[in-house]
Amino acid sequence: MIKKIVVLLILMLPVIFGADAEEEVHALSFLEGTFRVVGSSSESWAPYGGTVRMSLEGNKLMVVRDIKGRPSKGTGELRKTRVGAGTEFVVHFVEGKTSFEAVYLIQNDYDNYPRLTGYVYRANGETRKMGYEALFPDYGQLICE
């Protein structure tokens, strides 16, 4: 009897993990689009603005940041929070020769668009002051010049 249960569980593993992967891709697709970003640089806390464009390619979310006219590319992933209270969105990107990580909480606005707020810091752990960002969806009616 125990052997039958173990075999059944082993056979179900792909189904179980496949459902999680599909669910994650669906959740990432919610974040696709262009966002206006306002933030404060890590270390200096100098304010900045720009755009962040996210697009789903396969099961990865590709992220293109354009901050102060300087583009950078990265990838985004969903990660369970350490305290188990929910999910955070983590973006890894490079500006110049420095690797950064941004960790966002995801909220919905009243029109069911995603809104993200989070911290930005150097990925190597050498950050003394974390920067912060807020990303707002740009669905064609926001004009920020």
N, C-alpha and C. Protein backbone atom coordinates (compact mmCIF):
# COMPACT_ATOMS: atom_id res chain seq x y z
N MET A 1 0.82 -1.19 0.00
CA MET A 1 0.00 0.00 0.00
C MET A 1 0.87 1.26 0.00
N ILE A 2 1.89 1.29 0.84
CA ILE A 2 2.77 2.46 0.91
C ILE A 2 3.52 2.63 -0.40
N LYS A 3 3.93 1.52 -1.03
CA LYS A 3 4.63 1.60 -2.31
C LYS A 3 3.73 2.25 -3.37
N LYS A 4 2.44 1.90 -3.36
CA LYS A 4 1.50 2.46 -4.33
C LYS A 4 1.35 3.97 -4.14
N ILE A 5 1.31 4.41 -2.90
CA ILE A 5 1.18 5.84 -2.60
C ILE A 5 2.43 6.59 -3.04
N VAL A 6 3.60 6.03 -2.76
CA VAL A 6 4.87 6.65 -3.16
C VAL A 6 4.94 6.76 -4.68
N VAL A 7 4.58 5.69 -5.39
CA VAL A 7 4.61 5.70 -6.86
C VAL A 7 3.64 6.77 -7.39
N LEU A 8 2.45 6.82 -6.81
CA LEU A 8 1.46 7.81 -7.22
C LEU A 8 1.98 9.23 -7.02
N LEU A 9 2.60 9.49 -5.89
CA LEU A 9 3.16 10.81 -5.62
C LEU A 9 4.27 11.17 -6.61
N ILE A 10 5.12 10.21 -6.92
CA ILE A 10 6.20 10.46 -7.88
C ILE A 10 5.62 10.78 -9.25
N LEU A 11 4.60 10.05 -9.66
CA LEU A 11 3.97 10.30 -10.96
C LEU A 11 3.27 11.65 -11.01
N MET A 12 2.83 12.15 -9.89
CA MET A 12 2.11 13.43 -9.85
C MET A 12 3.04 14.64 -9.76
N LEU A 13 4.31 14.45 -9.47
CA LEU A 13 5.22 15.59 -9.32
C LEU A 13 5.24 16.52 -10.53
N PRO A 14 5.34 16.02 -11.76
CA PRO A 14 5.33 16.94 -12.90
C PRO A 14 4.04 17.75 -13.00
N VAL A 15 2.93 17.12 -12.68
CA VAL A 15 1.65 17.83 -12.72
C VAL A 15 1.62 18.93 -11.68
N ILE A 16 2.08 18.61 -10.48
CA ILE A 16 2.08 19.59 -9.40
C ILE A 16 2.99 20.75 -9.73
N PHE A 17 4.23 20.48 -10.14
CA PHE A 17 5.16 21.57 -10.40
C PHE A 17 4.84 22.30 -11.70
N GLY A 18 4.25 21.62 -12.67
CA GLY A 18 3.83 22.27 -13.91
C GLY A 18 2.76 23.30 -13.65
N ALA A 19 1.83 23.02 -12.75
CA ALA A 19 0.77 23.97 -12.41
C ALA A 19 1.36 25.22 -11.79
N ASP A 20 2.37 25.07 -10.94
CA ASP A 20 3.01 26.23 -10.33
C ASP A 20 3.69 27.10 -11.39
N ALA A 21 4.35 26.48 -12.35
CA ALA A 21 5.03 27.22 -13.41
C ALA A 21 4.02 27.99 -14.25
N GLU A 22 2.90 27.36 -14.60
CA GLU A 22 1.85 28.04 -15.37
C GLU A 22 1.28 29.20 -14.59
N GLU A 23 1.06 29.00 -13.32
CA GLU A 23 0.52 30.05 -12.47
C GLU A 23 1.48 31.23 -12.38
N GLU A 24 2.78 30.95 -12.30
CA GLU A 24 3.77 32.02 -12.23
C GLU A 24 3.82 32.82 -13.53
N VAL A 25 3.75 32.15 -14.67
CA VAL A 25 3.74 32.85 -15.95
C VAL A 25 2.51 33.73 -16.05
N HIS A 26 1.36 33.23 -15.61
CA HIS A 26 0.14 34.04 -15.61
C HIS A 26 0.30 35.27 -14.72
N ALA A 27 0.89 35.10 -13.55
CA ALA A 27 1.10 36.22 -12.64
C ALA A 27 2.08 37.23 -13.24
N LEU A 28 3.14 36.75 -13.90
CA LEU A 28 4.10 37.66 -14.54
C LEU A 28 3.44 38.44 -15.68
N SER A 29 2.52 37.82 -16.40
CA SER A 29 1.86 38.52 -17.51
C SER A 29 1.05 39.71 -17.01
N PHE A 30 0.61 39.68 -15.76
CA PHE A 30 -0.10 40.81 -15.15
C PHE A 30 0.79 42.05 -15.09
N LEU A 31 2.11 41.84 -15.05
CA LEU A 31 3.05 42.95 -14.92
C LEU A 31 3.55 43.48 -16.27
N GLU A 32 3.10 42.89 -17.36
CA GLU A 32 3.55 43.36 -18.67
C GLU A 32 3.04 44.77 -18.92
N GLY A 33 3.88 45.58 -19.57
CA GLY A 33 3.46 46.93 -19.94
C GLY A 33 4.54 47.95 -19.64
N THR A 34 4.16 49.21 -19.80
CA THR A 34 5.07 50.32 -19.55
C THR A 34 4.65 51.03 -18.27
N PHE A 35 5.64 51.36 -17.47
CA PHE A 35 5.40 52.03 -16.19
C PHE A 35 6.20 53.32 -16.12
N ARG A 36 5.66 54.32 -15.48
CA ARG A 36 6.41 55.51 -15.12
C ARG A 36 7.02 55.23 -13.75
N VAL A 37 8.29 55.59 -13.60
CA VAL A 37 8.97 55.33 -12.33
C VAL A 37 9.45 56.65 -11.73
N VAL A 38 9.26 56.78 -10.44
CA VAL A 38 9.87 57.85 -9.66
C VAL A 38 10.64 57.17 -8.55
N GLY A 39 11.83 57.71 -8.26
CA GLY A 39 12.63 57.04 -7.26
C GLY A 39 13.72 57.90 -6.70
N SER A 40 14.51 57.27 -5.88
CA SER A 40 15.63 57.90 -5.21
C SER A 40 16.80 56.92 -5.29
N SER A 41 17.94 57.41 -5.78
CA SER A 41 19.11 56.55 -5.98
C SER A 41 19.64 56.00 -4.66
N SER A 42 20.13 54.76 -4.75
CA SER A 42 20.80 54.22 -3.57
C SER A 42 22.09 55.00 -3.36
N GLU A 43 22.51 55.10 -2.15
CA GLU A 43 23.72 55.83 -1.71
C GLU A 43 23.50 57.33 -1.67
N SER A 44 23.08 57.97 -2.78
CA SER A 44 22.98 59.44 -2.78
C SER A 44 21.57 59.95 -2.48
N TRP A 45 20.58 59.13 -2.67
CA TRP A 45 19.17 59.48 -2.55
C TRP A 45 18.75 60.58 -3.51
N ALA A 46 19.52 60.79 -4.58
CA ALA A 46 19.15 61.79 -5.60
C ALA A 46 17.88 61.32 -6.29
N PRO A 47 16.91 62.22 -6.46
CA PRO A 47 15.65 61.81 -7.11
C PRO A 47 15.84 61.57 -8.61
N TYR A 48 15.02 60.69 -9.17
CA TYR A 48 15.06 60.44 -10.61
C TYR A 48 13.69 60.01 -11.08
N GLY A 49 13.54 60.01 -12.38
CA GLY A 49 12.32 59.55 -13.02
C GLY A 49 12.67 58.87 -14.33
N GLY A 50 11.71 58.19 -14.90
CA GLY A 50 11.92 57.52 -16.17
C GLY A 50 10.82 56.53 -16.46
N THR A 51 11.15 55.54 -17.27
CA THR A 51 10.18 54.51 -17.61
C THR A 51 10.77 53.12 -17.40
N VAL A 52 9.90 52.18 -17.18
CA VAL A 52 10.27 50.76 -17.09
C VAL A 52 9.28 50.02 -17.97
N ARG A 53 9.82 49.24 -18.91
CA ARG A 53 8.97 48.45 -19.82
C ARG A 53 9.22 46.98 -19.52
N MET A 54 8.13 46.23 -19.32
CA MET A 54 8.24 44.81 -19.01
C MET A 54 7.48 44.00 -20.06
N SER A 55 8.12 42.95 -20.55
CA SER A 55 7.48 42.08 -21.54
C SER A 55 7.82 40.62 -21.24
N LEU A 56 6.84 39.78 -21.41
CA LEU A 56 6.99 38.36 -21.14
C LEU A 56 7.58 37.68 -22.37
N GLU A 57 8.70 36.98 -22.16
CA GLU A 57 9.33 36.19 -23.21
C GLU A 57 9.50 34.78 -22.66
N GLY A 58 8.65 33.89 -23.15
CA GLY A 58 8.64 32.53 -22.60
C GLY A 58 8.09 32.57 -21.19
N ASN A 59 8.87 32.12 -20.24
CA ASN A 59 8.44 32.15 -18.84
C ASN A 59 9.25 33.17 -18.04
N LYS A 60 9.91 34.10 -18.73
CA LYS A 60 10.69 35.15 -18.06
C LYS A 60 10.12 36.51 -18.39
N LEU A 61 10.21 37.42 -17.44
CA LEU A 61 9.79 38.80 -17.67
C LEU A 61 11.04 39.62 -17.94
N MET A 62 11.15 40.14 -19.16
CA MET A 62 12.28 40.98 -19.54
C MET A 62 11.96 42.41 -19.13
N VAL A 63 12.95 43.10 -18.55
CA VAL A 63 12.75 44.44 -18.03
C VAL A 63 13.74 45.39 -18.70
N VAL A 64 13.22 46.47 -19.27
CA VAL A 64 14.06 47.51 -19.85
C VAL A 64 13.77 48.80 -19.09
N ARG A 65 14.79 49.29 -18.42
CA ARG A 65 14.67 50.53 -17.63
C ARG A 65 15.30 51.68 -18.42
N ASP A 66 14.66 52.83 -18.41
CA ASP A 66 15.22 54.03 -19.02
C ASP A 66 15.13 55.13 -17.96
N ILE A 67 16.20 55.30 -17.23
CA ILE A 67 16.26 56.26 -16.14
C ILE A 67 17.21 57.38 -16.54
N LYS A 68 16.71 58.60 -16.53
CA LYS A 68 17.51 59.76 -16.93
C LYS A 68 18.13 59.58 -18.31
N GLY A 69 17.41 58.92 -19.23
CA GLY A 69 17.89 58.72 -20.58
C GLY A 69 18.94 57.64 -20.73
N ARG A 70 19.21 56.89 -19.65
CA ARG A 70 20.20 55.80 -19.71
C ARG A 70 19.48 54.45 -19.62
N PRO A 71 19.46 53.70 -20.72
CA PRO A 71 18.76 52.41 -20.69
C PRO A 71 19.59 51.32 -20.02
N SER A 72 18.90 50.39 -19.39
CA SER A 72 19.54 49.20 -18.83
C SER A 72 18.54 48.06 -18.96
N LYS A 73 19.06 46.84 -19.05
CA LYS A 73 18.21 45.66 -19.23
C LYS A 73 18.37 44.71 -18.05
N GLY A 74 17.30 43.96 -17.81
CA GLY A 74 17.35 42.96 -16.75
C GLY A 74 16.22 41.97 -16.88
N THR A 75 16.07 41.16 -15.85
CA THR A 75 15.00 40.16 -15.80
C THR A 75 14.27 40.26 -14.47
N GLY A 76 13.02 39.87 -14.48
CA GLY A 76 12.22 39.90 -13.27
C GLY A 76 11.65 38.53 -12.95
N GLU A 77 11.48 38.27 -11.66
CA GLU A 77 10.93 36.99 -11.22
C GLU A 77 10.10 37.19 -9.96
N LEU A 78 9.17 36.30 -9.74
CA LEU A 78 8.39 36.31 -8.51
C LEU A 78 9.11 35.44 -7.48
N ARG A 79 9.08 35.88 -6.24
CA ARG A 79 9.75 35.13 -5.17
C ARG A 79 8.88 35.19 -3.93
N LYS A 80 8.75 34.06 -3.27
CA LYS A 80 8.00 34.02 -2.01
C LYS A 80 8.77 34.83 -0.97
N THR A 81 8.05 35.59 -0.16
CA THR A 81 8.72 36.37 0.87
C THR A 81 9.25 35.44 1.94
N ARG A 82 10.26 35.90 2.62
CA ARG A 82 10.90 35.06 3.64
C ARG A 82 9.96 34.75 4.80
N VAL A 83 9.06 35.67 5.08
CA VAL A 83 8.15 35.44 6.20
C VAL A 83 6.90 34.68 5.75
N GLY A 84 6.83 34.35 4.47
CA GLY A 84 5.70 33.56 3.98
C GLY A 84 4.41 34.33 3.87
N ALA A 85 4.46 35.66 3.93
CA ALA A 85 3.25 36.46 3.90
C ALA A 85 2.75 36.73 2.49
N GLY A 86 3.56 36.44 1.48
CA GLY A 86 3.11 36.73 0.12
C GLY A 86 4.23 36.57 -0.88
N THR A 87 4.10 37.29 -1.98
CA THR A 87 5.05 37.21 -3.07
C THR A 87 5.61 38.59 -3.36
N GLU A 88 6.90 38.63 -3.66
CA GLU A 88 7.54 39.88 -4.06
C GLU A 88 8.05 39.73 -5.48
N PHE A 89 8.21 40.85 -6.17
CA PHE A 89 8.71 40.86 -7.54
C PHE A 89 10.15 41.37 -7.48
N VAL A 90 11.09 40.57 -7.98
CA VAL A 90 12.52 40.89 -7.89
C VAL A 90 13.06 41.10 -9.30
N VAL A 91 13.74 42.24 -9.50
CA VAL A 91 14.34 42.56 -10.78
C VAL A 91 15.85 42.65 -10.60
N HIS A 92 16.58 41.96 -11.48
CA HIS A 92 18.05 42.02 -11.51
C HIS A 92 18.43 42.80 -12.76
N PHE A 93 19.25 43.86 -12.60
CA PHE A 93 19.66 44.65 -13.75
C PHE A 93 21.05 45.21 -13.52
N VAL A 94 21.65 45.71 -14.60
CA VAL A 94 23.00 46.26 -14.54
C VAL A 94 22.96 47.68 -15.09
N GLU A 95 23.56 48.61 -14.34
CA GLU A 95 23.75 49.99 -14.81
C GLU A 95 25.25 50.23 -14.86
N GLY A 96 25.75 50.51 -16.07
CA GLY A 96 27.20 50.62 -16.22
C GLY A 96 27.83 49.27 -15.95
N LYS A 97 28.67 49.22 -14.93
CA LYS A 97 29.29 47.95 -14.55
C LYS A 97 28.79 47.45 -13.20
N THR A 98 27.76 48.11 -12.67
CA THR A 98 27.26 47.77 -11.34
C THR A 98 25.96 46.98 -11.44
N SER A 99 25.91 45.84 -10.76
CA SER A 99 24.70 45.02 -10.71
C SER A 99 23.80 45.49 -9.57
N PHE A 100 22.51 45.60 -9.88
CA PHE A 100 21.53 46.03 -8.89
C PHE A 100 20.42 45.00 -8.78
N GLU A 101 19.71 45.09 -7.67
CA GLU A 101 18.52 44.29 -7.46
C GLU A 101 17.45 45.24 -6.94
N ALA A 102 16.23 45.08 -7.45
CA ALA A 102 15.09 45.84 -6.95
C ALA A 102 14.06 44.83 -6.46
N VAL A 103 13.51 45.08 -5.30
CA VAL A 103 12.51 44.18 -4.71
C VAL A 103 11.24 44.99 -4.48
N TYR A 104 10.16 44.58 -5.15
CA TYR A 104 8.90 45.33 -5.12
C TYR A 104 7.78 44.52 -4.49
N LEU A 105 6.87 45.23 -3.85
CA LEU A 105 5.58 44.67 -3.47
C LEU A 105 4.61 45.06 -4.57
N ILE A 106 3.68 44.18 -4.87
CA ILE A 106 2.73 44.41 -5.96
C ILE A 106 1.36 44.71 -5.36
N GLN A 107 0.78 45.83 -5.79
CA GLN A 107 -0.58 46.18 -5.40
C GLN A 107 -1.40 46.40 -6.68
N ASN A 108 -2.71 46.44 -6.54
CA ASN A 108 -3.60 46.78 -7.65
C ASN A 108 -4.13 48.18 -7.41
N ASP A 109 -4.27 48.96 -8.50
CA ASP A 109 -4.98 50.22 -8.34
C ASP A 109 -6.46 49.97 -8.60
N TYR A 110 -7.27 51.01 -8.61
CA TYR A 110 -8.72 50.84 -8.72
C TYR A 110 -9.17 50.33 -10.09
N ASP A 111 -8.29 50.47 -11.11
CA ASP A 111 -8.61 49.97 -12.44
C ASP A 111 -8.03 48.59 -12.70
N ASN A 112 -7.56 47.93 -11.65
CA ASN A 112 -6.95 46.60 -11.74
C ASN A 112 -5.64 46.58 -12.51
N TYR A 113 -4.92 47.66 -12.49
CA TYR A 113 -3.58 47.71 -13.04
C TYR A 113 -2.59 47.52 -11.90
N PRO A 114 -1.43 46.93 -12.19
CA PRO A 114 -0.45 46.75 -11.11
C PRO A 114 0.24 48.07 -10.75
N ARG A 115 0.55 48.20 -9.50
CA ARG A 115 1.34 49.33 -8.98
C ARG A 115 2.40 48.71 -8.09
N LEU A 116 3.65 49.14 -8.26
CA LEU A 116 4.74 48.51 -7.52
C LEU A 116 5.50 49.55 -6.71
N THR A 117 5.90 49.17 -5.52
CA THR A 117 6.77 50.00 -4.68
C THR A 117 7.84 49.09 -4.10
N GLY A 118 9.06 49.64 -4.00
CA GLY A 118 10.10 48.79 -3.46
C GLY A 118 11.42 49.49 -3.27
N TYR A 119 12.41 48.69 -2.93
CA TYR A 119 13.76 49.16 -2.65
C TYR A 119 14.71 48.73 -3.76
N VAL A 120 15.72 49.55 -4.01
CA VAL A 120 16.75 49.27 -5.00
C VAL A 120 18.10 49.31 -4.29
N TYR A 121 18.95 48.32 -4.56
CA TYR A 121 20.25 48.27 -3.89
C TYR A 121 21.24 47.51 -4.76
N ARG A 122 22.53 47.66 -4.44
CA ARG A 122 23.57 46.94 -5.18
C ARG A 122 23.46 45.45 -4.86
N ALA A 123 23.57 44.65 -5.90
CA ALA A 123 23.40 43.21 -5.73
C ALA A 123 24.54 42.56 -4.95
N ASN A 124 25.69 43.21 -4.89
CA ASN A 124 26.83 42.60 -4.20
C ASN A 124 26.81 42.81 -2.69
N GLY A 125 25.79 43.48 -2.18
CA GLY A 125 25.67 43.66 -0.74
C GLY A 125 26.44 44.83 -0.17
N GLU A 126 26.97 45.71 -1.02
CA GLU A 126 27.76 46.84 -0.55
C GLU A 126 26.96 48.13 -0.42
N THR A 127 25.67 48.05 -0.33
CA THR A 127 24.82 49.23 -0.24
C THR A 127 24.75 49.73 1.20
N ARG A 128 25.01 51.01 1.38
CA ARG A 128 24.86 51.62 2.71
C ARG A 128 23.47 52.22 2.88
N LYS A 129 22.95 52.86 1.82
CA LYS A 129 21.61 53.44 1.84
C LYS A 129 20.84 52.87 0.65
N MET A 130 19.71 52.25 0.94
CA MET A 130 18.90 51.71 -0.15
C MET A 130 18.14 52.84 -0.84
N GLY A 131 18.02 52.71 -2.14
CA GLY A 131 17.14 53.61 -2.89
C GLY A 131 15.73 53.06 -2.85
N TYR A 132 14.79 53.82 -3.37
CA TYR A 132 13.42 53.34 -3.41
C TYR A 132 12.76 53.80 -4.70
N GLU A 133 11.74 53.06 -5.11
CA GLU A 133 11.03 53.37 -6.35
C GLU A 133 9.55 53.09 -6.20
N ALA A 134 8.78 53.82 -7.00
CA ALA A 134 7.36 53.54 -7.19
C ALA A 134 7.11 53.49 -8.69
N LEU A 135 6.45 52.44 -9.15
CA LEU A 135 6.14 52.27 -10.56
C LEU A 135 4.63 52.34 -10.74
N PHE A 136 4.21 53.24 -11.65
CA PHE A 136 2.80 53.44 -11.94
C PHE A 136 2.54 53.08 -13.39
N PRO A 137 1.45 52.39 -13.69
CA PRO A 137 1.18 51.99 -15.08
C PRO A 137 0.97 53.21 -15.97
N ASP A 138 1.52 53.14 -17.15
CA ASP A 138 1.33 54.18 -18.15
C ASP A 138 0.51 53.57 -19.28
N TYR A 139 -0.79 53.76 -19.22
CA TYR A 139 -1.66 53.17 -20.23
C TYR A 139 -2.15 54.23 -21.20
N GLY A 140 -1.23 55.13 -21.58
CA GLY A 140 -1.50 56.06 -22.64
C GLY A 140 -2.11 57.38 -22.24
N GLN A 141 -2.44 57.59 -20.99
CA GLN A 141 -3.06 58.84 -20.62
C GLN A 141 -2.20 59.67 -19.65
N LEU A 142 -1.04 59.14 -19.29
CA LEU A 142 -0.16 59.89 -18.42
C LEU A 142 0.84 60.68 -19.26
N ILE A 143 0.97 61.96 -18.99
CA ILE A 143 1.94 62.77 -19.69
C ILE A 143 2.91 63.34 -18.65
N CYS A 144 4.14 62.89 -18.71
CA CYS A 144 5.17 63.34 -17.76
C CYS A 144 6.32 63.91 -18.55
N GLU A 145 6.40 65.19 -18.65
CA GLU A 145 7.49 65.84 -19.40
C GLU A 145 8.34 66.64 -18.44
